[in-house]
N, C-alpha and C. Protein backbone atom coordinates (compact mmCIF):
# COMPACT_ATOMS: atom_id res chain seq x y z
N UNK A 1 12.01 13.08 -10.13
CA UNK A 1 10.60 12.80 -10.29
C UNK A 1 10.27 11.47 -9.60
N UNK A 2 9.23 11.43 -8.77
CA UNK A 2 8.88 10.20 -8.06
C UNK A 2 8.48 9.08 -9.01
N UNK A 3 8.73 7.85 -8.55
CA UNK A 3 8.38 6.67 -9.32
C UNK A 3 8.25 5.49 -8.38
N UNK A 4 7.67 4.40 -8.88
CA UNK A 4 7.60 3.17 -8.12
C UNK A 4 8.99 2.54 -8.05
N UNK A 5 9.33 2.03 -6.89
CA UNK A 5 10.63 1.40 -6.69
C UNK A 5 10.46 0.15 -5.84
N UNK A 6 11.34 -0.80 -6.06
CA UNK A 6 11.34 -1.97 -5.20
C UNK A 6 11.86 -1.57 -3.84
N UNK A 7 11.26 -2.10 -2.77
CA UNK A 7 11.78 -1.81 -1.44
C UNK A 7 13.26 -2.17 -1.35
N UNK A 8 14.08 -1.26 -0.85
CA UNK A 8 15.53 -1.47 -0.83
C UNK A 8 16.17 -0.68 0.31
N UNK A 9 17.39 -1.09 0.64
CA UNK A 9 18.14 -0.48 1.75
C UNK A 9 18.44 0.99 1.53
N UNK A 10 18.49 1.45 0.30
CA UNK A 10 18.80 2.85 0.01
C UNK A 10 17.77 3.79 0.64
N UNK A 11 16.57 3.30 0.93
CA UNK A 11 15.50 4.11 1.50
C UNK A 11 15.46 4.07 3.03
N UNK A 12 16.41 3.39 3.65
CA UNK A 12 16.35 3.13 5.09
C UNK A 12 16.07 4.39 5.92
N UNK A 13 16.84 5.43 5.74
CA UNK A 13 16.71 6.64 6.57
C UNK A 13 15.36 7.32 6.36
N UNK A 14 14.97 7.53 5.11
CA UNK A 14 13.70 8.22 4.85
C UNK A 14 12.51 7.33 5.20
N UNK A 15 12.66 6.02 5.06
CA UNK A 15 11.61 5.09 5.45
C UNK A 15 11.34 5.20 6.94
N UNK A 16 12.41 5.22 7.74
CA UNK A 16 12.24 5.33 9.19
C UNK A 16 11.55 6.64 9.57
N UNK A 17 11.91 7.71 8.89
CA UNK A 17 11.27 9.00 9.16
C UNK A 17 9.78 8.94 8.82
N UNK A 18 9.45 8.29 7.70
CA UNK A 18 8.04 8.16 7.31
C UNK A 18 7.28 7.31 8.31
N UNK A 19 7.89 6.22 8.77
CA UNK A 19 7.20 5.36 9.74
C UNK A 19 6.97 6.09 11.05
N UNK A 20 7.87 6.98 11.42
CA UNK A 20 7.66 7.80 12.62
C UNK A 20 6.45 8.71 12.41
N UNK A 21 6.33 9.27 11.20
CA UNK A 21 5.17 10.11 10.91
C UNK A 21 3.87 9.31 11.04
N UNK A 22 3.85 8.09 10.49
CA UNK A 22 2.66 7.25 10.61
C UNK A 22 2.38 6.91 12.07
N UNK A 23 3.42 6.54 12.81
CA UNK A 23 3.24 6.21 14.23
C UNK A 23 2.71 7.41 15.00
N UNK A 24 3.21 8.60 14.69
CA UNK A 24 2.74 9.81 15.36
C UNK A 24 1.25 10.07 15.09
N UNK A 25 0.75 9.57 13.96
CA UNK A 25 -0.68 9.67 13.64
C UNK A 25 -1.51 8.59 14.34
N UNK A 26 -0.82 7.64 14.98
CA UNK A 26 -1.54 6.59 15.69
C UNK A 26 -1.76 5.31 14.91
N UNK A 27 -1.04 5.13 13.81
CA UNK A 27 -1.24 3.95 12.96
C UNK A 27 -0.91 2.64 13.65
N UNK A 28 -0.04 2.63 14.63
CA UNK A 28 0.35 1.36 15.25
C UNK A 28 -0.55 0.98 16.41
N UNK A 29 -1.54 1.80 16.70
CA UNK A 29 -2.44 1.54 17.82
C UNK A 29 -3.68 0.81 17.31
N UNK A 30 -4.02 -0.29 17.94
CA UNK A 30 -5.22 -1.02 17.56
C UNK A 30 -5.03 -1.84 16.30
N UNK A 31 -6.08 -2.49 15.88
CA UNK A 31 -6.03 -3.36 14.71
C UNK A 31 -6.63 -2.64 13.52
N UNK A 32 -5.80 -1.92 12.77
CA UNK A 32 -6.31 -1.20 11.60
C UNK A 32 -6.29 -2.06 10.35
N UNK A 33 -5.67 -3.21 10.41
CA UNK A 33 -5.60 -4.15 9.29
C UNK A 33 -5.01 -3.56 8.03
N UNK A 34 -4.01 -2.73 8.20
CA UNK A 34 -3.25 -2.24 7.06
C UNK A 34 -1.82 -2.73 7.21
N UNK A 35 -1.11 -2.82 6.10
CA UNK A 35 0.28 -3.27 6.18
C UNK A 35 1.15 -2.27 6.92
N UNK A 36 0.84 -0.98 6.85
CA UNK A 36 1.63 0.01 7.60
C UNK A 36 1.47 -0.23 9.09
N UNK A 37 0.24 -0.40 9.56
CA UNK A 37 0.02 -0.65 10.99
C UNK A 37 0.66 -1.97 11.41
N UNK A 38 0.52 -3.00 10.58
CA UNK A 38 1.13 -4.29 10.89
C UNK A 38 2.65 -4.16 10.99
N UNK A 39 3.23 -3.45 10.03
CA UNK A 39 4.69 -3.25 10.04
C UNK A 39 5.14 -2.51 11.29
N UNK A 40 4.42 -1.47 11.66
CA UNK A 40 4.78 -0.71 12.86
C UNK A 40 4.68 -1.57 14.11
N UNK A 41 3.65 -2.38 14.19
CA UNK A 41 3.47 -3.22 15.36
C UNK A 41 4.56 -4.29 15.46
N UNK A 42 4.98 -4.81 14.32
CA UNK A 42 5.94 -5.91 14.35
C UNK A 42 7.39 -5.48 14.25
N UNK A 43 7.69 -4.43 13.51
CA UNK A 43 9.09 -4.10 13.22
C UNK A 43 9.62 -2.83 13.88
N UNK A 44 8.75 -1.98 14.40
CA UNK A 44 9.25 -0.78 15.09
C UNK A 44 10.19 -1.24 16.20
N UNK A 45 11.36 -0.66 16.25
CA UNK A 45 12.36 -1.08 17.22
C UNK A 45 13.32 -2.12 16.66
N UNK A 46 12.96 -2.74 15.53
CA UNK A 46 13.82 -3.75 14.91
C UNK A 46 14.48 -3.19 13.66
N UNK A 47 13.72 -2.45 12.87
CA UNK A 47 14.22 -2.02 11.57
C UNK A 47 15.17 -0.84 11.62
N UNK A 48 15.46 -0.33 12.81
CA UNK A 48 16.43 0.76 12.92
C UNK A 48 17.84 0.30 12.54
N UNK A 49 18.17 -0.95 12.83
CA UNK A 49 19.50 -1.46 12.49
C UNK A 49 19.51 -1.93 11.03
N UNK A 50 20.69 -1.96 10.44
CA UNK A 50 20.81 -2.42 9.06
C UNK A 50 20.34 -3.86 8.93
N UNK A 51 20.70 -4.72 9.87
CA UNK A 51 20.29 -6.12 9.77
C UNK A 51 18.79 -6.28 10.03
N UNK A 52 18.22 -5.50 10.91
CA UNK A 52 16.78 -5.54 11.13
C UNK A 52 16.01 -5.06 9.91
N UNK A 53 16.53 -4.03 9.26
CA UNK A 53 15.89 -3.52 8.05
C UNK A 53 15.99 -4.54 6.92
N UNK A 54 17.14 -5.21 6.80
CA UNK A 54 17.29 -6.27 5.79
C UNK A 54 16.26 -7.38 6.03
N UNK A 55 16.06 -7.76 7.29
CA UNK A 55 15.08 -8.80 7.62
C UNK A 55 13.67 -8.35 7.23
N UNK A 56 13.38 -7.09 7.48
CA UNK A 56 12.08 -6.55 7.08
C UNK A 56 11.91 -6.59 5.56
N UNK A 57 12.95 -6.17 4.83
CA UNK A 57 12.88 -6.19 3.36
C UNK A 57 12.68 -7.61 2.83
N UNK A 58 13.33 -8.58 3.45
CA UNK A 58 13.16 -9.97 3.05
C UNK A 58 11.71 -10.42 3.24
N UNK A 59 11.12 -10.00 4.34
CA UNK A 59 9.72 -10.37 4.59
C UNK A 59 8.80 -9.72 3.56
N UNK A 60 9.05 -8.46 3.24
CA UNK A 60 8.23 -7.76 2.25
C UNK A 60 8.30 -8.49 0.91
N UNK A 61 9.50 -8.87 0.50
CA UNK A 61 9.65 -9.58 -0.78
C UNK A 61 9.02 -10.96 -0.75
N UNK A 62 9.12 -11.63 0.40
CA UNK A 62 8.55 -12.98 0.54
C UNK A 62 7.03 -12.97 0.46
N UNK A 63 6.41 -11.84 0.76
CA UNK A 63 4.93 -11.75 0.75
C UNK A 63 4.36 -11.96 -0.65
N UNK A 64 5.19 -11.85 -1.67
CA UNK A 64 4.71 -12.08 -3.04
C UNK A 64 4.33 -13.54 -3.25
N UNK A 65 4.91 -14.43 -2.46
CA UNK A 65 4.65 -15.86 -2.58
C UNK A 65 3.45 -16.21 -1.69
N UNK A 66 2.44 -16.74 -2.29
CA UNK A 66 1.21 -17.11 -1.58
C UNK A 66 1.49 -18.04 -0.40
N UNK A 67 2.57 -18.79 -0.47
CA UNK A 67 2.87 -19.76 0.58
C UNK A 67 3.54 -19.12 1.80
N UNK A 68 3.94 -17.86 1.67
CA UNK A 68 4.57 -17.18 2.79
C UNK A 68 3.53 -16.87 3.86
N UNK A 69 3.73 -17.37 5.05
CA UNK A 69 2.73 -17.06 6.09
C UNK A 69 2.87 -15.61 6.54
N UNK A 70 1.88 -14.81 6.28
CA UNK A 70 1.86 -13.43 6.77
C UNK A 70 0.86 -13.41 7.91
N UNK A 71 -0.38 -13.61 7.56
CA UNK A 71 -1.46 -13.76 8.53
C UNK A 71 -2.48 -14.70 7.91
N UNK A 72 -3.19 -15.46 8.72
CA UNK A 72 -4.23 -16.32 8.16
C UNK A 72 -5.23 -15.50 7.35
N UNK A 73 -5.52 -15.99 6.16
CA UNK A 73 -6.49 -15.32 5.31
C UNK A 73 -5.91 -14.26 4.39
N UNK A 74 -4.64 -13.89 4.59
CA UNK A 74 -4.02 -12.90 3.70
C UNK A 74 -3.55 -13.62 2.44
N UNK A 75 -3.55 -12.92 1.33
CA UNK A 75 -3.11 -13.48 0.05
C UNK A 75 -1.74 -12.91 -0.30
N UNK A 76 -1.10 -13.50 -1.30
CA UNK A 76 0.17 -12.96 -1.77
C UNK A 76 -0.03 -11.54 -2.29
N UNK A 77 0.96 -10.69 -2.03
CA UNK A 77 0.87 -9.32 -2.52
C UNK A 77 2.26 -8.79 -2.83
N UNK A 78 2.29 -7.92 -3.83
CA UNK A 78 3.54 -7.27 -4.26
C UNK A 78 3.55 -5.86 -3.71
N UNK A 79 4.70 -5.46 -3.17
CA UNK A 79 4.85 -4.12 -2.59
C UNK A 79 5.81 -3.30 -3.42
N UNK A 80 5.42 -2.07 -3.71
CA UNK A 80 6.30 -1.08 -4.29
C UNK A 80 6.32 0.13 -3.37
N UNK A 81 7.43 0.82 -3.38
CA UNK A 81 7.51 2.07 -2.65
C UNK A 81 7.51 3.21 -3.65
N UNK A 82 6.86 4.29 -3.29
CA UNK A 82 6.82 5.50 -4.10
C UNK A 82 7.96 6.36 -3.58
N UNK A 83 8.90 6.67 -4.45
CA UNK A 83 10.10 7.35 -3.99
C UNK A 83 10.57 8.38 -5.01
N UNK A 84 11.24 9.37 -4.48
CA UNK A 84 11.90 10.39 -5.30
C UNK A 84 13.37 10.32 -4.94
N UNK A 85 14.17 9.73 -5.83
CA UNK A 85 15.57 9.46 -5.49
C UNK A 85 15.59 8.44 -4.37
N UNK A 86 16.25 8.79 -3.25
CA UNK A 86 16.27 7.88 -2.10
C UNK A 86 15.28 8.30 -1.02
N UNK A 87 14.34 9.16 -1.37
CA UNK A 87 13.33 9.65 -0.42
C UNK A 87 12.04 8.84 -0.54
N UNK A 88 11.72 8.11 0.53
CA UNK A 88 10.50 7.32 0.61
C UNK A 88 9.31 8.25 0.79
N UNK A 89 8.33 8.14 -0.11
CA UNK A 89 7.14 8.99 -0.05
C UNK A 89 5.87 8.21 0.26
N UNK A 90 5.86 6.92 -0.03
CA UNK A 90 4.67 6.13 0.21
C UNK A 90 4.85 4.69 -0.19
N UNK A 91 3.77 3.95 -0.07
CA UNK A 91 3.79 2.51 -0.28
C UNK A 91 2.53 2.10 -1.03
N UNK A 92 2.67 1.15 -1.92
CA UNK A 92 1.54 0.61 -2.66
C UNK A 92 1.67 -0.91 -2.68
N UNK A 93 0.59 -1.59 -2.33
CA UNK A 93 0.56 -3.05 -2.35
C UNK A 93 -0.51 -3.53 -3.32
N UNK A 94 -0.18 -4.54 -4.11
CA UNK A 94 -1.15 -5.14 -5.02
C UNK A 94 -1.37 -6.58 -4.57
N UNK A 95 -2.59 -6.85 -4.18
CA UNK A 95 -2.97 -8.20 -3.78
C UNK A 95 -3.25 -9.00 -5.04
N UNK A 96 -2.68 -10.19 -5.10
CA UNK A 96 -2.72 -10.99 -6.33
C UNK A 96 -4.08 -11.59 -6.63
N UNK A 97 -4.92 -11.70 -5.62
CA UNK A 97 -6.28 -12.21 -5.83
C UNK A 97 -7.15 -11.67 -4.70
N UNK A 98 -8.44 -11.82 -4.86
CA UNK A 98 -9.37 -11.33 -3.85
C UNK A 98 -9.98 -12.48 -3.06
N UNK A 99 -10.04 -12.30 -1.76
CA UNK A 99 -10.79 -13.19 -0.89
C UNK A 99 -12.18 -12.56 -0.71
N UNK A 100 -13.04 -13.23 0.00
CA UNK A 100 -14.36 -12.66 0.28
C UNK A 100 -14.20 -11.32 1.00
N UNK A 101 -13.34 -11.29 2.01
CA UNK A 101 -13.12 -10.05 2.76
C UNK A 101 -12.56 -8.94 1.87
N UNK A 102 -11.55 -9.26 1.07
CA UNK A 102 -10.95 -8.24 0.19
C UNK A 102 -11.96 -7.74 -0.84
N UNK A 103 -12.85 -8.58 -1.28
CA UNK A 103 -13.88 -8.16 -2.23
C UNK A 103 -14.82 -7.15 -1.58
N UNK A 104 -15.00 -7.25 -0.29
CA UNK A 104 -15.89 -6.33 0.43
C UNK A 104 -15.16 -5.06 0.89
N UNK A 105 -13.97 -5.21 1.45
CA UNK A 105 -13.34 -4.11 2.17
C UNK A 105 -11.97 -3.67 1.64
N UNK A 106 -11.18 -4.55 1.08
CA UNK A 106 -9.80 -4.20 0.81
C UNK A 106 -9.43 -3.95 -0.64
N UNK A 107 -9.94 -4.78 -1.54
CA UNK A 107 -9.62 -4.62 -2.94
C UNK A 107 -8.27 -5.18 -3.34
N UNK A 108 -7.91 -4.95 -4.61
CA UNK A 108 -6.62 -5.40 -5.14
C UNK A 108 -5.47 -4.49 -4.74
N UNK A 109 -5.73 -3.20 -4.64
CA UNK A 109 -4.66 -2.22 -4.46
C UNK A 109 -4.90 -1.42 -3.18
N UNK A 110 -3.86 -1.34 -2.37
CA UNK A 110 -3.89 -0.49 -1.19
C UNK A 110 -2.66 0.41 -1.22
N UNK A 111 -2.80 1.63 -0.76
CA UNK A 111 -1.66 2.55 -0.80
C UNK A 111 -1.73 3.53 0.36
N UNK A 112 -0.57 4.05 0.72
CA UNK A 112 -0.45 5.03 1.79
C UNK A 112 0.61 6.04 1.38
N UNK A 113 0.34 7.29 1.63
CA UNK A 113 1.32 8.36 1.41
C UNK A 113 1.73 8.87 2.78
N UNK A 114 3.02 9.03 2.99
CA UNK A 114 3.49 9.51 4.29
C UNK A 114 2.88 10.88 4.56
N UNK A 115 2.56 11.17 5.79
CA UNK A 115 1.86 12.42 6.13
C UNK A 115 2.50 13.69 5.57
N UNK A 116 3.81 13.81 5.60
CA UNK A 116 4.45 15.04 5.13
C UNK A 116 4.43 15.18 3.61
N UNK A 117 4.01 14.13 2.89
CA UNK A 117 3.98 14.17 1.42
C UNK A 117 2.56 14.17 0.87
N UNK A 118 1.58 14.27 1.74
CA UNK A 118 0.19 14.25 1.29
C UNK A 118 -0.20 15.57 0.62
N UNK A 119 -1.28 15.48 -0.17
CA UNK A 119 -1.86 16.64 -0.87
C UNK A 119 -0.90 17.22 -1.90
N UNK A 120 -0.08 16.33 -2.49
CA UNK A 120 0.86 16.75 -3.53
C UNK A 120 0.69 15.91 -4.80
N UNK A 121 -0.38 15.12 -4.87
CA UNK A 121 -0.65 14.31 -6.05
C UNK A 121 0.02 12.95 -6.07
N UNK A 122 0.69 12.57 -4.98
CA UNK A 122 1.40 11.29 -4.97
C UNK A 122 0.48 10.08 -5.05
N UNK A 123 -0.65 10.11 -4.36
CA UNK A 123 -1.55 8.95 -4.40
C UNK A 123 -2.04 8.69 -5.82
N UNK A 124 -2.45 9.74 -6.51
CA UNK A 124 -2.90 9.59 -7.90
C UNK A 124 -1.77 9.07 -8.77
N UNK A 125 -0.59 9.65 -8.64
CA UNK A 125 0.54 9.25 -9.49
C UNK A 125 0.96 7.82 -9.23
N UNK A 126 1.03 7.40 -7.97
CA UNK A 126 1.47 6.03 -7.70
C UNK A 126 0.41 5.02 -8.11
N UNK A 127 -0.85 5.35 -7.91
CA UNK A 127 -1.91 4.45 -8.35
C UNK A 127 -1.88 4.30 -9.87
N UNK A 128 -1.76 5.39 -10.58
CA UNK A 128 -1.69 5.35 -12.05
C UNK A 128 -0.46 4.55 -12.51
N UNK A 129 0.68 4.78 -11.86
CA UNK A 129 1.92 4.08 -12.25
C UNK A 129 1.83 2.59 -12.00
N UNK A 130 1.00 2.17 -11.06
CA UNK A 130 0.90 0.74 -10.74
C UNK A 130 0.06 -0.06 -11.73
N UNK A 131 -0.81 0.60 -12.47
CA UNK A 131 -1.77 -0.12 -13.30
C UNK A 131 -1.13 -1.05 -14.34
N UNK A 132 -0.03 -0.67 -15.01
CA UNK A 132 0.60 -1.65 -15.92
C UNK A 132 1.10 -2.90 -15.18
N UNK A 133 1.62 -2.74 -13.96
CA UNK A 133 2.07 -3.90 -13.19
C UNK A 133 0.89 -4.78 -12.77
N UNK A 134 -0.21 -4.13 -12.40
CA UNK A 134 -1.41 -4.87 -12.04
C UNK A 134 -1.89 -5.69 -13.23
N UNK A 135 -1.87 -5.09 -14.41
CA UNK A 135 -2.26 -5.78 -15.64
C UNK A 135 -1.35 -6.98 -15.88
N UNK A 136 -0.04 -6.84 -15.64
CA UNK A 136 0.90 -7.95 -15.82
C UNK A 136 0.58 -9.13 -14.91
N UNK A 137 -0.06 -8.86 -13.78
CA UNK A 137 -0.47 -9.93 -12.87
C UNK A 137 -1.74 -10.63 -13.35
N UNK A 138 -2.29 -10.17 -14.48
CA UNK A 138 -3.49 -10.78 -15.04
C UNK A 138 -4.78 -10.20 -14.51
N UNK A 139 -4.70 -9.05 -13.88
CA UNK A 139 -5.90 -8.39 -13.33
C UNK A 139 -6.34 -7.33 -14.32
N UNK A 140 -7.45 -7.59 -15.02
CA UNK A 140 -7.92 -6.66 -16.05
C UNK A 140 -8.68 -5.48 -15.46
N UNK A 141 -9.33 -5.71 -14.34
CA UNK A 141 -10.07 -4.66 -13.66
C UNK A 141 -9.78 -4.78 -12.17
N UNK A 142 -9.20 -3.74 -11.59
CA UNK A 142 -8.75 -3.79 -10.20
C UNK A 142 -9.78 -3.13 -9.29
N UNK A 143 -10.07 -3.80 -8.20
CA UNK A 143 -10.93 -3.24 -7.17
C UNK A 143 -10.06 -2.41 -6.23
N UNK A 144 -10.47 -1.16 -6.01
CA UNK A 144 -9.77 -0.27 -5.09
C UNK A 144 -10.83 0.33 -4.17
N UNK A 145 -10.58 0.27 -2.87
CA UNK A 145 -11.55 0.80 -1.92
C UNK A 145 -10.93 1.94 -1.12
N UNK A 146 -11.81 2.75 -0.55
CA UNK A 146 -11.36 3.80 0.36
C UNK A 146 -12.45 4.08 1.37
N UNK A 147 -12.07 4.65 2.49
CA UNK A 147 -13.05 5.04 3.49
C UNK A 147 -13.94 6.14 2.91
N UNK A 148 -15.19 6.14 3.31
CA UNK A 148 -16.17 7.11 2.83
C UNK A 148 -15.68 8.54 3.06
N UNK A 149 -15.01 8.78 4.18
CA UNK A 149 -14.58 10.14 4.52
C UNK A 149 -13.18 10.49 4.03
N UNK A 150 -12.56 9.63 3.24
CA UNK A 150 -11.21 9.90 2.73
C UNK A 150 -11.32 10.55 1.34
N UNK A 151 -11.56 11.84 1.35
CA UNK A 151 -11.77 12.59 0.11
C UNK A 151 -10.56 12.51 -0.81
N UNK A 152 -9.36 12.62 -0.26
CA UNK A 152 -8.15 12.57 -1.08
C UNK A 152 -8.01 11.26 -1.82
N UNK A 153 -8.23 10.15 -1.14
CA UNK A 153 -8.13 8.85 -1.78
C UNK A 153 -9.22 8.66 -2.82
N UNK A 154 -10.42 9.10 -2.48
CA UNK A 154 -11.52 9.00 -3.45
C UNK A 154 -11.18 9.75 -4.74
N UNK A 155 -10.65 10.95 -4.60
CA UNK A 155 -10.29 11.73 -5.79
C UNK A 155 -9.16 11.07 -6.58
N UNK A 156 -8.18 10.50 -5.87
CA UNK A 156 -7.09 9.81 -6.57
C UNK A 156 -7.63 8.65 -7.39
N UNK A 157 -8.52 7.87 -6.80
CA UNK A 157 -9.09 6.72 -7.50
C UNK A 157 -9.88 7.19 -8.72
N UNK A 158 -10.68 8.21 -8.55
CA UNK A 158 -11.49 8.72 -9.66
C UNK A 158 -10.61 9.31 -10.76
N UNK A 159 -9.53 9.97 -10.42
CA UNK A 159 -8.61 10.53 -11.42
C UNK A 159 -7.93 9.42 -12.24
N UNK A 160 -7.85 8.24 -11.66
CA UNK A 160 -7.25 7.10 -12.37
C UNK A 160 -8.28 6.26 -13.10
N UNK A 161 -9.47 6.79 -13.24
CA UNK A 161 -10.51 6.09 -13.99
C UNK A 161 -11.40 5.20 -13.15
N UNK A 162 -11.31 5.28 -11.83
CA UNK A 162 -12.14 4.46 -10.97
C UNK A 162 -13.61 4.76 -11.14
N UNK A 163 -14.39 3.70 -11.27
CA UNK A 163 -15.84 3.80 -11.42
C UNK A 163 -16.46 3.24 -10.14
N UNK A 164 -17.23 4.07 -9.46
CA UNK A 164 -17.85 3.66 -8.20
C UNK A 164 -18.87 2.56 -8.46
N UNK A 165 -18.70 1.43 -7.75
CA UNK A 165 -19.70 0.37 -7.83
C UNK A 165 -20.73 0.55 -6.72
N UNK A 166 -20.25 0.71 -5.47
CA UNK A 166 -21.19 0.87 -4.36
C UNK A 166 -20.46 1.24 -3.08
N UNK A 167 -21.26 1.40 -2.05
CA UNK A 167 -20.75 1.64 -0.69
C UNK A 167 -21.14 0.44 0.15
N UNK A 168 -20.15 -0.06 0.89
CA UNK A 168 -20.41 -1.18 1.80
C UNK A 168 -19.86 -0.79 3.17
N UNK A 169 -20.76 -0.48 4.06
CA UNK A 169 -20.33 0.00 5.37
C UNK A 169 -19.63 1.34 5.23
N UNK A 170 -18.42 1.42 5.73
CA UNK A 170 -17.63 2.65 5.66
C UNK A 170 -16.74 2.71 4.42
N UNK A 171 -16.87 1.74 3.52
CA UNK A 171 -16.00 1.67 2.34
C UNK A 171 -16.75 1.98 1.05
N UNK A 172 -16.09 2.75 0.20
CA UNK A 172 -16.53 2.94 -1.18
C UNK A 172 -15.73 1.96 -2.03
N UNK A 173 -16.39 1.31 -2.99
CA UNK A 173 -15.74 0.30 -3.82
C UNK A 173 -15.72 0.77 -5.27
N UNK A 174 -14.52 0.89 -5.82
CA UNK A 174 -14.31 1.35 -7.19
C UNK A 174 -13.63 0.27 -8.01
N UNK A 175 -13.89 0.25 -9.30
CA UNK A 175 -13.19 -0.61 -10.25
C UNK A 175 -12.42 0.25 -11.23
N UNK A 176 -11.16 -0.10 -11.46
CA UNK A 176 -10.31 0.61 -12.42
C UNK A 176 -9.84 -0.37 -13.48
N UNK A 177 -10.13 -0.08 -14.73
CA UNK A 177 -9.64 -0.92 -15.83
C UNK A 177 -8.14 -0.78 -15.94
N UNK A 178 -7.43 -1.87 -16.09
CA UNK A 178 -5.98 -1.83 -16.23
C UNK A 178 -5.55 -1.98 -17.68
N UNK A 179 -6.50 -2.26 -18.56
CA UNK A 179 -6.20 -2.48 -19.98
C UNK A 179 -6.43 -1.22 -20.79
């Protein structure tokens, strides 16, 4: 049964396969401002080796510390992987606080399901599983956004209790109580 897991070397093979799926969808092209696209742009070609993958995992863990330079304006965030055994199915990041930009477009929680695992309930399950961890970070109500045309993500958010606040540009903004 899938569950949230800390990023680890045991997922190396399935993680690489998932990243290839994302790359095949065009995620590494242009500035999409997602951690998946950023990872593909920076680590594709590096994380194939065991030592390159270890370096990537160290960077992922270091992002939890606000002082870790990721990109200007980014805040500390915790990453979990959605996995079934050693099979990587997706990724969920919880931003520890909101900036002006995150309040408009990004929210507290961002998640991605690998293309071959979509439409199987993983987004809903991983979002629901993350809420106790989000609460532990002191976030009583989490902002989660999705693109207006992303019906699957919208449904996942709503299934987890998301209440639509508004639409800002191409983003729908929902609040989910974590308590």
